[in-house]
Amino acid sequence: MDLQENINRLDQDLRIIARRKGVDFYGVADLSLAQNFIREQGGDEVASYPRGISLGIRIMDSIVDDLPHRKERSVAVNYHHHGYEVINRRLDLLASCLSSYIQNAGYRVLPLPASERYDDERICALFSHKLTAHLAGHGWIGKSCMLITPEAGPRVRWITVLTDAPLPVTGTSLDEKCGNCSECVDICPVSAFTGAAFHEDEPREIRYDAGKCEKYLNEGEKWSVCGLCVYICPHGRNNK
């Protein structure tokens, strides 16, 4: 079996494992297209991997649709638990499983946490999972700074597995389809979004003030959640 056959087999096996473990989105991105950004956020080691496997699990619509009642403790706790913690745990376990499989195939691999803050000043993680999802062709970056998929809007949690395995890239970045819609901007209780469209060469601060979100949540009860921008996006509500 030649190298290309081995790669195709590896790619097929990874897809099968991911699907069996409940993933809704599987894609592979060419990270060389954003290497400078990746290096600036996560450093040289993270930026040394040319491929990123993007994995996504959809949040249950019933949980998201309850978010207008997020002031009720039962709604907030269920969203935080099943819509956040449990799905992130599933993604972490899946990333670990796939990473072991890739390593055993003879390639470098680095699984990244689904949700762990790395930089308190910038309020960001070591790596942007939505960047991998964007480059893998899963969706576009909306005015809420979330990854918007045609199938589920922003109602998806993401994780990335970095590797040097030359897996076939699944797609290219989708064009922005938010148009004149500003529902996520209008519903935000602290006006954290400016309404500016995403441009790769512009910093996040032009579109989003992460500090406002954090302050809003910290001022509430310890179980407080928001997620209204996830709830309101028409691309999620219209595809249930």
C-alpha atoms as a PDB file:
ATOM      1  CA  MET A   1       0.000   0.000   0.000  1.00  0.00           C
ATOM      2  CA  ASP A   2       1.539   3.355  -1.052  1.00  0.00           C
ATOM      3  CA  LEU A   3       1.585   6.590   0.963  1.00  0.00           C
ATOM      4  CA  GLN A   4      -1.566   8.043  -0.595  1.00  0.00           C
ATOM      5  CA  GLU A   5      -3.511   4.858   0.022  1.00  0.00           C
ATOM      6  CA  ASN A   6      -2.358   4.886   3.639  1.00  0.00           C
ATOM      7  CA  ILE A   7      -3.480   8.502   4.045  1.00  0.00           C
ATOM      8  CA  ASN A   8      -6.859   7.807   2.477  1.00  0.00           C
ATOM      9  CA  ARG A   9      -7.324   4.825   4.765  1.00  0.00           C
ATOM     10  CA  LEU A  10      -6.353   6.895   7.803  1.00  0.00           C
ATOM     11  CA  ASP A  11      -8.789   9.628   6.815  1.00  0.00           C
ATOM     12  CA  GLN A  12     -11.577   7.100   6.328  1.00  0.00           C
ATOM     13  CA  ASP A  13     -10.868   5.427   9.660  1.00  0.00           C
ATOM     14  CA  LEU A  14     -10.872   8.760  11.506  1.00  0.00           C
ATOM     15  CA  ARG A  15     -14.219   9.691   9.983  1.00  0.00           C
ATOM     16  CA  ILE A  16     -15.727   6.353  10.984  1.00  0.00           C
ATOM     17  CA  ILE A  17     -14.462   6.633  14.566  1.00  0.00           C
ATOM     18  CA  ALA A  18     -15.733  10.208  14.855  1.00  0.00           C
ATOM     19  CA  ARG A  19     -19.188   9.352  13.527  1.00  0.00           C
ATOM     20  CA  ARG A  20     -19.512   6.349  15.809  1.00  0.00           C
ATOM     21  CA  LYS A  21     -18.729   8.570  18.783  1.00  0.00           C
ATOM     22  CA  GLY A  22     -21.453  11.034  17.898  1.00  0.00           C
ATOM     23  CA  VAL A  23     -19.719  13.851  16.027  1.00  0.00           C
ATOM     24  CA  ASP A  24     -21.963  15.899  13.731  1.00  0.00           C
ATOM     25  CA  PHE A  25     -19.227  17.777  11.852  1.00  0.00           C
ATOM     26  CA  TYR A  26     -15.889  16.409  10.627  1.00  0.00           C
ATOM     27  CA  GLY A  27     -13.503  18.388   8.456  1.00  0.00           C
ATOM     28  CA  VAL A  28      -9.819  18.974   7.738  1.00  0.00           C
ATOM     29  CA  ALA A  29      -8.275  22.424   7.328  1.00  0.00           C
ATOM     30  CA  ASP A  30      -5.035  23.611   5.749  1.00  0.00           C
ATOM     31  CA  LEU A  31      -3.687  25.715   8.615  1.00  0.00           C
ATOM     32  CA  SER A  32      -0.822  27.177   6.596  1.00  0.00           C
ATOM     33  CA  LEU A  33      -3.339  29.744   5.369  1.00  0.00           C
ATOM     34  CA  ALA A  34      -3.487  31.258   8.867  1.00  0.00           C
ATOM     35  CA  GLN A  35      -0.065  30.385  10.261  1.00  0.00           C
ATOM     36  CA  ASN A  36       0.872  33.912  11.335  1.00  0.00           C
ATOM     37  CA  PHE A  37      -2.376  34.363  13.264  1.00  0.00           C
ATOM     38  CA  ILE A  38      -1.999  30.931  14.883  1.00  0.00           C
ATOM     39  CA  ARG A  39       1.581  31.682  15.927  1.00  0.00           C
ATOM     40  CA  GLU A  40       0.624  35.043  17.389  1.00  0.00           C
ATOM     41  CA  GLN A  41      -2.113  33.491  19.524  1.00  0.00           C
ATOM     42  CA  GLY A  42      -0.610  30.132  20.476  1.00  0.00           C
ATOM     43  CA  GLY A  43       3.133  30.188  19.783  1.00  0.00           C
ATOM     44  CA  ASP A  44       5.562  28.306  17.548  1.00  0.00           C
ATOM     45  CA  GLU A  45       4.683  24.769  18.638  1.00  0.00           C
ATOM     46  CA  VAL A  46       0.990  25.156  17.883  1.00  0.00           C
ATOM     47  CA  ALA A  47       1.777  26.868  14.577  1.00  0.00           C
ATOM     48  CA  SER A  48       4.085  24.033  13.485  1.00  0.00           C
ATOM     49  CA  TYR A  49       1.197  21.727  12.535  1.00  0.00           C
ATOM     50  CA  PRO A  50       0.039  22.072   8.908  1.00  0.00           C
ATOM     51  CA  ARG A  51      -3.334  20.352   9.332  1.00  0.00           C
ATOM     52  CA  GLY A  52      -6.222  20.748  11.734  1.00  0.00           C
ATOM     53  CA  ILE A  53      -9.073  18.275  12.143  1.00  0.00           C
ATOM     54  CA  SER A  54     -12.233  20.193  12.995  1.00  0.00           C
ATOM     55  CA  LEU A  55     -14.853  18.321  15.022  1.00  0.00           C
ATOM     56  CA  GLY A  56     -18.245  19.655  16.011  1.00  0.00           C
ATOM     57  CA  ILE A  57     -21.198  18.429  18.064  1.00  0.00           C
ATOM     58  CA  ARG A  58     -24.539  20.143  17.753  1.00  0.00           C
ATOM     59  CA  ILE A  59     -26.233  21.496  20.886  1.00  0.00           C
ATOM     60  CA  MET A  60     -29.757  20.194  21.463  1.00  0.00           C
ATOM     61  CA  ASP A  61     -32.304  22.654  20.069  1.00  0.00           C
ATOM     62  CA  SER A  62     -34.630  22.154  23.023  1.00  0.00           C
ATOM     63  CA  ILE A  63     -31.919  23.500  25.345  1.00  0.00           C
ATOM     64  CA  VAL A  64     -31.033  26.485  23.150  1.00  0.00           C
ATOM     65  CA  ASP A  65     -34.687  27.372  22.576  1.00  0.00           C
ATOM     66  CA  ASP A  66     -35.175  27.756  26.341  1.00  0.00           C
ATOM     67  CA  LEU A  67     -32.534  30.504  26.608  1.00  0.00           C
ATOM     68  CA  PRO A  68     -35.040  33.397  26.608  1.00  0.00           C
ATOM     69  CA  HIS A  69     -35.945  31.964  30.061  1.00  0.00           C
ATOM     70  CA  ARG A  70     -32.286  31.765  31.156  1.00  0.00           C
ATOM     71  CA  LYS A  71     -33.074  33.714  34.351  1.00  0.00           C
ATOM     72  CA  GLU A  72     -34.764  30.554  35.603  1.00  0.00           C
ATOM     73  CA  ARG A  73     -32.143  28.484  37.352  1.00  0.00           C
ATOM     74  CA  SER A  74     -33.304  25.169  35.874  1.00  0.00           C
ATOM     75  CA  VAL A  75     -32.920  26.514  32.325  1.00  0.00           C
ATOM     76  CA  ALA A  76     -29.506  28.034  32.993  1.00  0.00           C
ATOM     77  CA  VAL A  77     -28.121  24.973  34.749  1.00  0.00           C
ATOM     78  CA  ASN A  78     -29.303  22.630  31.993  1.00  0.00           C
ATOM     79  CA  TYR A  79     -27.792  24.824  29.274  1.00  0.00           C
ATOM     80  CA  HIS A  80     -24.471  25.067  31.081  1.00  0.00           C
ATOM     81  CA  HIS A  81     -24.390  21.343  31.826  1.00  0.00           C
ATOM     82  CA  HIS A  82     -25.748  19.638  28.689  1.00  0.00           C
ATOM     83  CA  GLY A  83     -25.148  22.469  26.226  1.00  0.00           C
ATOM     84  CA  TYR A  84     -21.615  23.202  27.372  1.00  0.00           C
ATOM     85  CA  GLU A  85     -19.871  20.950  29.894  1.00  0.00           C
ATOM     86  CA  VAL A  86     -21.080  17.556  28.650  1.00  0.00           C
ATOM     87  CA  ILE A  87     -20.544  18.326  24.958  1.00  0.00           C
ATOM     88  CA  ASN A  88     -17.086  19.753  25.658  1.00  0.00           C
ATOM     89  CA  ARG A  89     -16.231  16.597  27.589  1.00  0.00           C
ATOM     90  CA  ARG A  90     -17.421  14.444  24.678  1.00  0.00           C
ATOM     91  CA  LEU A  91     -15.288  16.504  22.290  1.00  0.00           C
ATOM     92  CA  ASP A  92     -12.214  16.212  24.527  1.00  0.00           C
ATOM     93  CA  LEU A  93     -12.562  12.430  24.725  1.00  0.00           C
ATOM     94  CA  LEU A  94     -13.074  12.192  20.969  1.00  0.00           C
ATOM     95  CA  ALA A  95     -10.003  14.343  20.270  1.00  0.00           C
ATOM     96  CA  SER A  96      -7.919  12.146  22.560  1.00  0.00           C
ATOM     97  CA  CYS A  97      -9.165   8.981  20.851  1.00  0.00           C
ATOM     98  CA  LEU A  98      -8.437  10.271  17.341  1.00  0.00           C
ATOM     99  CA  SER A  99      -5.050  11.590  18.436  1.00  0.00           C
ATOM    100  CA  SER A 100      -3.980   8.182  19.696  1.00  0.00           C
ATOM    101  CA  TYR A 101      -5.042   6.639  16.395  1.00  0.00           C
ATOM    102  CA  ILE A 102      -3.047   9.227  14.414  1.00  0.00           C
ATOM    103  CA  GLN A 103       0.033   8.796  16.608  1.00  0.00           C
ATOM    104  CA  ASN A 104      -0.095   5.029  16.178  1.00  0.00           C
ATOM    105  CA  ALA A 105      -0.157   5.631  12.423  1.00  0.00           C
ATOM    106  CA  GLY A 106       3.220   7.371  12.747  1.00  0.00           C
ATOM    107  CA  TYR A 107       2.345  11.071  12.675  1.00  0.00           C
ATOM    108  CA  ARG A 108       2.729  14.005  15.057  1.00  0.00           C
ATOM    109  CA  VAL A 109      -0.489  15.050  16.702  1.00  0.00           C
ATOM    110  CA  LEU A 110      -1.666  17.527  19.334  1.00  0.00           C
ATOM    111  CA  PRO A 111      -5.224  17.496  20.718  1.00  0.00           C
ATOM    112  CA  LEU A 112      -6.376  20.862  22.071  1.00  0.00           C
ATOM    113  CA  PRO A 113      -8.926  21.390  24.864  1.00  0.00           C
ATOM    114  CA  ALA A 114     -12.469  22.133  23.770  1.00  0.00           C
ATOM    115  CA  SER A 115     -12.735  25.059  26.165  1.00  0.00           C
ATOM    116  CA  GLU A 116      -9.825  26.287  28.263  1.00  0.00           C
ATOM    117  CA  ARG A 117      -8.761  29.906  28.613  1.00  0.00           C
ATOM    118  CA  TYR A 118      -5.095  30.582  27.914  1.00  0.00           C
ATOM    119  CA  ASP A 119      -4.848  34.381  27.904  1.00  0.00           C
ATOM    120  CA  ASP A 120      -6.783  36.249  30.619  1.00  0.00           C
ATOM    121  CA  GLU A 121      -5.976  39.643  29.172  1.00  0.00           C
ATOM    122  CA  ARG A 122      -7.312  38.890  25.692  1.00  0.00           C
ATOM    123  CA  ILE A 123      -9.898  36.407  27.064  1.00  0.00           C
ATOM    124  CA  CYS A 124      -9.047  33.717  24.558  1.00  0.00           C
ATOM    125  CA  ALA A 125      -7.834  30.132  24.300  1.00  0.00           C
ATOM    126  CA  LEU A 126      -4.516  28.807  23.027  1.00  0.00           C
ATOM    127  CA  PHE A 127      -6.099  28.188  19.644  1.00  0.00           C
ATOM    128  CA  SER A 128      -9.253  29.217  17.786  1.00  0.00           C
ATOM    129  CA  HIS A 129     -11.431  26.180  17.051  1.00  0.00           C
ATOM    130  CA  LYS A 130     -13.769  28.292  14.936  1.00  0.00           C
ATOM    131  CA  LEU A 131     -10.783  29.203  12.743  1.00  0.00           C
ATOM    132  CA  THR A 132     -10.217  25.523  11.916  1.00  0.00           C
ATOM    133  CA  ALA A 133     -13.928  25.011  11.330  1.00  0.00           C
ATOM    134  CA  HIS A 134     -13.965  28.059   9.057  1.00  0.00           C
ATOM    135  CA  LEU A 135     -10.969  26.885   7.015  1.00  0.00           C
ATOM    136  CA  ALA A 136     -12.379  23.347   6.818  1.00  0.00           C
ATOM    137  CA  GLY A 137     -15.482  24.690   5.088  1.00  0.00           C
ATOM    138  CA  HIS A 138     -17.994  24.186   7.910  1.00  0.00           C
ATOM    139  CA  GLY A 139     -19.229  27.776   7.911  1.00  0.00           C
ATOM    140  CA  TRP A 140     -18.386  31.461   8.207  1.00  0.00           C
ATOM    141  CA  ILE A 141     -17.629  33.884  11.049  1.00  0.00           C
ATOM    142  CA  GLY A 142     -20.764  35.862  11.867  1.00  0.00           C
ATOM    143  CA  LYS A 143     -21.279  39.271  13.437  1.00  0.00           C
ATOM    144  CA  SER A 144     -21.414  37.493  16.799  1.00  0.00           C
ATOM    145  CA  CYS A 145     -17.838  36.268  16.156  1.00  0.00           C
ATOM    146  CA  MET A 146     -19.165  32.705  16.277  1.00  0.00           C
ATOM    147  CA  LEU A 147     -18.836  30.085  13.558  1.00  0.00           C
ATOM    148  CA  ILE A 148     -22.143  29.966  11.684  1.00  0.00           C
ATOM    149  CA  THR A 149     -22.943  26.712   9.880  1.00  0.00           C
ATOM    150  CA  PRO A 150     -25.604  26.428   7.166  1.00  0.00           C
ATOM    151  CA  GLU A 151     -27.012  23.356   8.942  1.00  0.00           C
ATOM    152  CA  ALA A 152     -27.192  24.513  12.559  1.00  0.00           C
ATOM    153  CA  GLY A 153     -26.180  28.162  12.706  1.00  0.00           C
ATOM    154  CA  PRO A 154     -23.995  28.750  15.781  1.00  0.00           C
ATOM    155  CA  ARG A 155     -25.576  25.872  17.749  1.00  0.00           C
ATOM    156  CA  VAL A 156     -22.390  23.784  17.646  1.00  0.00           C
ATOM    157  CA  ARG A 157     -19.436  23.227  19.992  1.00  0.00           C
ATOM    158  CA  TRP A 158     -16.034  22.726  18.361  1.00  0.00           C
ATOM    159  CA  ILE A 159     -12.626  21.184  18.997  1.00  0.00           C
ATOM    160  CA  THR A 160      -9.422  20.854  16.976  1.00  0.00           C
ATOM    161  CA  VAL A 161      -6.815  18.112  16.607  1.00  0.00           C
ATOM    162  CA  LEU A 162      -3.532  19.377  15.143  1.00  0.00           C
ATOM    163  CA  THR A 163      -1.406  17.000  13.069  1.00  0.00           C
ATOM    164  CA  ASP A 164       1.253  16.751  10.389  1.00  0.00           C
ATOM    165  CA  ALA A 165      -0.566  13.855   8.718  1.00  0.00           C
ATOM    166  CA  PRO A 166      -1.226  15.075   5.137  1.00  0.00           C
ATOM    167  CA  LEU A 167      -4.961  14.415   5.335  1.00  0.00           C
ATOM    168  CA  PRO A 168      -7.072  15.674   2.410  1.00  0.00           C
ATOM    169  CA  VAL A 169      -8.529  19.134   3.046  1.00  0.00           C
ATOM    170  CA  THR A 170     -12.335  19.027   3.075  1.00  0.00           C
ATOM    171  CA  GLY A 171     -13.219  22.463   1.783  1.00  0.00           C
ATOM    172  CA  THR A 172     -12.587  26.191   1.763  1.00  0.00           C
ATOM    173  CA  SER A 173     -13.906  29.049   3.856  1.00  0.00           C
ATOM    174  CA  LEU A 174     -17.553  29.804   3.153  1.00  0.00           C
ATOM    175  CA  ASP A 175     -18.570  33.312   2.174  1.00  0.00           C
ATOM    176  CA  GLU A 176     -20.365  35.300   4.865  1.00  0.00           C
ATOM    177  CA  LYS A 177     -24.133  34.954   4.591  1.00  0.00           C
ATOM    178  CA  CYS A 178     -25.313  37.227   7.399  1.00  0.00           C
ATOM    179  CA  GLY A 179     -26.102  40.071   5.000  1.00  0.00           C
ATOM    180  CA  ASN A 180     -28.075  42.862   6.661  1.00  0.00           C
ATOM    181  CA  CYS A 181     -29.189  40.660   9.559  1.00  0.00           C
ATOM    182  CA  SER A 182     -28.274  42.118  12.964  1.00  0.00           C
ATOM    183  CA  GLU A 183     -30.388  39.972  15.306  1.00  0.00           C
ATOM    184  CA  CYS A 184     -27.381  38.786  17.359  1.00  0.00           C
ATOM    185  CA  VAL A 185     -26.179  42.383  17.668  1.00  0.00           C
ATOM    186  CA  ASP A 186     -29.585  43.707  18.685  1.00  0.00           C
ATOM    187  CA  ILE A 187     -30.375  41.037  21.288  1.00  0.00           C
ATOM    188  CA  CYS A 188     -27.070  41.258  23.201  1.00  0.00           C
ATOM    189  CA  PRO A 189     -27.917  42.630  26.690  1.00  0.00           C
ATOM    190  CA  VAL A 190     -24.593  44.488  26.978  1.00  0.00           C
ATOM    191  CA  SER A 191     -24.083  45.554  23.346  1.00  0.00           C
ATOM    192  CA  ALA A 192     -20.890  43.510  23.056  1.00  0.00           C
ATOM    193  CA  PHE A 193     -21.088  43.317  19.239  1.00  0.00           C
ATOM    194  CA  THR A 194     -20.488  46.267  16.954  1.00  0.00           C
ATOM    195  CA  GLY A 195     -22.230  44.747  13.941  1.00  0.00           C
ATOM    196  CA  ALA A 196     -19.093  44.859  11.814  1.00  0.00           C
ATOM    197  CA  ALA A 197     -18.648  42.003   9.354  1.00  0.00           C
ATOM    198  CA  PHE A 198     -15.727  39.601   9.734  1.00  0.00           C
ATOM    199  CA  HIS A 199     -12.483  40.385   7.925  1.00  0.00           C
ATOM    200  CA  GLU A 200      -9.464  38.153   8.435  1.00  0.00           C
ATOM    201  CA  ASP A 201      -7.004  41.044   8.613  1.00  0.00           C
ATOM    202  CA  GLU A 202      -8.869  42.854  11.394  1.00  0.00           C
ATOM    203  CA  PRO A 203      -8.603  42.216  15.161  1.00  0.00           C
ATOM    204  CA  ARG A 204     -11.550  40.720  17.050  1.00  0.00           C
ATOM    205  CA  GLU A 205     -12.007  43.941  19.033  1.00  0.00           C
ATOM    206  CA  ILE A 206     -13.418  45.684  15.962  1.00  0.00           C
ATOM    207  CA  ARG A 207     -16.402  43.312  16.122  1.00  0.00           C
ATOM    208  CA  TYR A 208     -16.617  42.125  19.718  1.00  0.00           C
ATOM    209  CA  ASP A 209     -15.844  43.275  23.271  1.00  0.00           C
ATOM    210  CA  ALA A 210     -15.236  40.022  25.158  1.00  0.00           C
ATOM    211  CA  GLY A 211     -14.815  41.914  28.415  1.00  0.00           C
ATOM    212  CA  LYS A 212     -18.433  43.061  28.340  1.00  0.00           C
ATOM    213  CA  CYS A 213     -19.645  39.462  28.071  1.00  0.00           C
ATOM    214  CA  GLU A 214     -17.459  38.304  30.920  1.00  0.00           C
ATOM    215  CA  LYS A 215     -18.468  41.176  33.192  1.00  0.00           C
ATOM    216  CA  TYR A 216     -22.152  40.533  32.491  1.00  0.00           C
ATOM    217  CA  LEU A 217     -21.874  36.867  33.462  1.00  0.00           C
ATOM    218  CA  ASN A 218     -19.694  37.548  36.503  1.00  0.00           C
ATOM    219  CA  GLU A 219     -22.213  40.029  37.884  1.00  0.00           C
ATOM    220  CA  GLY A 220     -24.962  37.389  37.905  1.00  0.00           C
ATOM    221  CA  GLU A 221     -25.430  34.230  39.930  1.00  0.00           C
ATOM    222  CA  LYS A 222     -22.720  31.581  39.705  1.00  0.00           C
ATOM    223  CA  TRP A 223     -25.043  29.542  37.499  1.00  0.00           C
ATOM    224  CA  SER A 224     -25.868  32.439  35.152  1.00  0.00           C
ATOM    225  CA  VAL A 225     -25.640  31.942  31.392  1.00  0.00           C
ATOM    226  CA  CYS A 226     -26.502  34.056  28.383  1.00  0.00           C
ATOM    227  CA  GLY A 227     -26.255  32.499  24.908  1.00  0.00           C
ATOM    228  CA  LEU A 228     -28.880  34.779  23.364  1.00  0.00           C
ATOM    229  CA  CYS A 229     -26.718  35.239  20.260  1.00  0.00           C
ATOM    230  CA  VAL A 230     -26.715  31.448  19.879  1.00  0.00           C
ATOM    231  CA  TYR A 231     -30.485  31.315  20.319  1.00  0.00           C
ATOM    232  CA  ILE A 232     -31.486  34.156  17.995  1.00  0.00           C
ATOM    233  CA  CYS A 233     -29.437  33.385  14.870  1.00  0.00           C
ATOM    234  CA  PRO A 234     -31.885  32.607  12.010  1.00  0.00           C
ATOM    235  CA  HIS A 235     -29.499  30.015  10.559  1.00  0.00           C
ATOM    236  CA  GLY A 236     -30.000  27.947  13.715  1.00  0.00           C
ATOM    237  CA  ARG A 237     -33.686  28.602  14.333  1.00  0.00           C
ATOM    238  CA  ASN A 238     -34.687  27.901  10.731  1.00  0.00           C
ATOM    239  CA  ASN A 239     -32.875  24.569  10.472  1.00  0.00           C
ATOM    240  CA  LYS A 240     -34.243  22.704  13.484  1.00  0.00           C
END
